[in-house]
Amino acid sequence: MKNCIFARIKNLITMENNYNKDEKQSWDIPENNPNNSSSQYRPDNKKIVSGILAILVGSLGIHKFVLGYTMEGILQIVISVVTCGLGGIIPFIEGIIYLTKTDEEFYQTYQVGRRPWF
């Protein structure tokens, strides 16, 4: 049993070493071309993470920190403390808005355009 596992691991390592990094494979992620405006995979799109964090723990402002809005994250924490948690409705609405936007809209609005609220 151990020999079989080691043989498979050795085979995978050999396959990895033989992989030609310059040759584009069909399973590779497409390159992010800023000149191409069509929707494509963006490794830095934080839509799902930000939306879920905003809905679940939005009053802590974590979704703002994930998007890089430090001042707005701190402000969200202050609002939640001052209003005894009632300020948590704002990130709940934001989370719904984040999740209902398309990937391209979210990326352009909150990551490229740097729109901090709603």
Foldseek 3Di string as FASTA:
>chain_A
DVVVVVVVVVVVVVVVVPDDPVDDDPPDADDDDPVDLDDGDDPLQCLLVLLVCLQPVVLQLVSLVSLPNVVVNVVSVVVCVVVVNPSSVQSNVVSVVSVVDDSSVSCVVCNVVVDRGD
